[in-house]
């Protein structure tokens, strides 16, 4: 067997590891904790509130307290840097966040019966 003269043992070992273990995934972000929330309502006005995210097995429990008495809860799944949450309370809907460097979550949300409109929400620790 002949070897390519420019490929050393270390390079061969690195390639073997790369192909033998292709799932060297980055550690999951720790998204649990308390957040300040800011977003845009269907009427175009902004809202602010507090959000608590806690781990629940392989999923997450999310609680929103928005304005004066608007409370929602949801269940979420984190996959890579995408955090998808289905929520319920006075309104049912879905929000998908992208985990940002620095720990904030940039989201887009929609509601059942919302005529297909999508709104934004940002969570900051």
Protein backbone atom coordinates (compact mmCIF):
# COMPACT_ATOMS: atom_id res chain seq x y z
CA UNK A 1 0.00 0.00 0.00
CA UNK A 2 1.37 3.43 -0.88
CA UNK A 3 0.78 6.57 1.13
CA UNK A 4 0.49 10.05 -0.19
CA UNK A 5 3.73 11.76 0.83
CA UNK A 6 2.00 14.91 2.18
CA UNK A 7 -0.55 13.11 4.36
CA UNK A 8 0.92 12.45 7.79
CA UNK A 9 -0.33 10.11 10.47
CA UNK A 10 -1.95 12.95 12.42
CA UNK A 11 -3.98 14.00 9.39
CA UNK A 12 -5.09 10.43 8.77
CA UNK A 13 -6.08 10.05 12.43
CA UNK A 14 -8.07 13.32 12.27
CA UNK A 15 -9.93 12.14 9.17
CA UNK A 16 -10.70 8.79 10.78
CA UNK A 17 -12.12 10.55 13.86
CA UNK A 18 -14.09 12.99 11.71
CA UNK A 19 -15.78 10.24 9.73
CA UNK A 20 -16.09 7.77 12.59
CA UNK A 21 -17.80 10.30 14.87
CA UNK A 22 -19.69 12.75 12.64
CA UNK A 23 -22.02 13.83 15.40
CA UNK A 24 -19.63 15.93 17.47
CA UNK A 25 -22.46 18.36 18.13
CA UNK A 26 -21.90 21.53 20.05
CA UNK A 27 -23.23 21.42 23.59
CA UNK A 28 -26.85 22.53 23.87
CA UNK A 29 -27.30 26.07 25.02
CA UNK A 30 -28.67 26.48 28.53
CA UNK A 31 -31.84 28.45 27.84
CA UNK A 32 -33.37 27.94 31.29
CA UNK A 33 -33.92 30.99 33.44
CA UNK A 34 -35.72 34.32 33.64
CA UNK A 35 -36.03 36.67 30.67
CA UNK A 36 -37.34 40.12 29.89
CA UNK A 37 -39.71 39.90 26.96
CA UNK A 38 -40.49 42.50 24.30
CA UNK A 39 -42.60 42.02 21.22
CA UNK A 40 -45.11 43.37 18.75
CA UNK A 41 -48.87 42.78 19.06
CA UNK A 42 -51.29 42.31 16.15
CA UNK A 43 -52.42 45.95 16.59
CA UNK A 44 -48.83 47.10 15.99
CA UNK A 45 -48.22 48.19 19.58
CA UNK A 46 -45.30 46.78 21.53
CA UNK A 47 -45.60 44.78 24.72
CA UNK A 48 -43.24 43.91 27.54
CA UNK A 49 -43.27 41.16 30.11
CA UNK A 50 -41.39 38.41 31.90
CA UNK A 51 -40.75 34.85 30.74
CA UNK A 52 -39.55 31.87 32.75
CA UNK A 53 -38.11 28.83 30.96
CA UNK A 54 -37.53 25.61 32.92
CA UNK A 55 -36.37 22.15 31.86
CA UNK A 56 -38.97 19.37 31.94
CA UNK A 57 -37.28 16.09 30.95
CA UNK A 58 -36.25 16.43 27.32
CA UNK A 59 -38.59 19.38 26.77
CA UNK A 60 -39.11 22.79 28.36
CA UNK A 61 -41.91 24.52 30.25
CA UNK A 62 -42.38 28.19 29.37
CA UNK A 63 -44.42 30.77 31.33
CA UNK A 64 -45.14 34.29 30.06
CA UNK A 65 -46.46 37.15 32.21
CA UNK A 66 -47.30 39.97 29.81
CA UNK A 67 -48.63 43.36 30.87
CA UNK A 68 -51.45 43.44 33.37
CA UNK A 69 -52.58 39.85 33.82
CA UNK A 70 -51.96 38.22 30.44
CA UNK A 71 -50.46 34.87 31.38
CA UNK A 72 -49.59 32.06 29.00
CA UNK A 73 -47.88 28.69 29.34
CA UNK A 74 -46.26 26.48 26.76
CA UNK A 75 -44.21 23.41 26.02
CA UNK A 76 -41.05 23.68 23.94
CA UNK A 77 -38.33 21.65 22.28
CA UNK A 78 -34.77 22.85 21.70
CA UNK A 79 -33.09 21.49 18.57
CA UNK A 80 -29.69 23.02 17.85
CA UNK A 81 -30.21 26.77 18.07
CA UNK A 82 -33.95 26.59 17.34
CA UNK A 83 -36.43 26.63 20.24
CA UNK A 84 -40.02 25.85 19.17
CA UNK A 85 -42.87 26.42 21.63
CA UNK A 86 -46.60 25.78 21.48
CA UNK A 87 -48.44 28.02 23.96
CA UNK A 88 -51.90 28.29 25.46
CA UNK A 89 -53.74 30.60 27.80
CA UNK A 90 -56.35 33.10 26.56
CA UNK A 91 -54.80 32.59 23.10
CA UNK A 92 -53.29 29.48 21.51
CA UNK A 93 -50.32 29.74 19.20
CA UNK A 94 -46.75 28.90 18.36
CA UNK A 95 -43.45 30.74 18.67
CA UNK A 96 -40.09 29.77 17.19
CA UNK A 97 -36.97 31.34 18.68
CA UNK A 98 -33.40 31.29 17.43
CA UNK A 99 -30.83 31.23 20.24
CA UNK A 100 -28.48 34.19 19.75
CA UNK A 101 -24.87 34.60 20.82
CA UNK A 102 -24.99 36.10 24.29
CA UNK A 103 -28.08 34.10 25.28
CA UNK A 104 -31.00 36.15 23.97
CA UNK A 105 -33.78 34.47 21.98
CA UNK A 106 -35.12 36.10 18.79
CA UNK A 107 -38.59 34.83 17.99
CA UNK A 108 -41.46 34.87 15.55
CA UNK A 109 -44.96 33.95 16.69
CA UNK A 110 -48.46 33.43 15.38
CA UNK A 111 -51.85 32.64 16.89
CA UNK A 112 -54.75 30.37 16.06
CA UNK A 113 -57.28 32.46 14.11
CA UNK A 114 -54.70 35.18 13.47
CA UNK A 115 -55.23 35.29 9.69
CA UNK A 116 -51.76 33.88 9.05
CA UNK A 117 -49.94 36.93 10.43
CA UNK A 118 -46.51 36.53 12.06
CA UNK A 119 -45.15 38.83 14.78
CA UNK A 120 -41.83 39.21 16.60
CA UNK A 121 -40.69 38.72 20.17
CA UNK A 122 -37.26 38.93 21.81
CA UNK A 123 -36.28 37.37 25.15
CA UNK A 124 -33.25 38.84 26.96
CA UNK A 125 -31.66 37.54 30.18
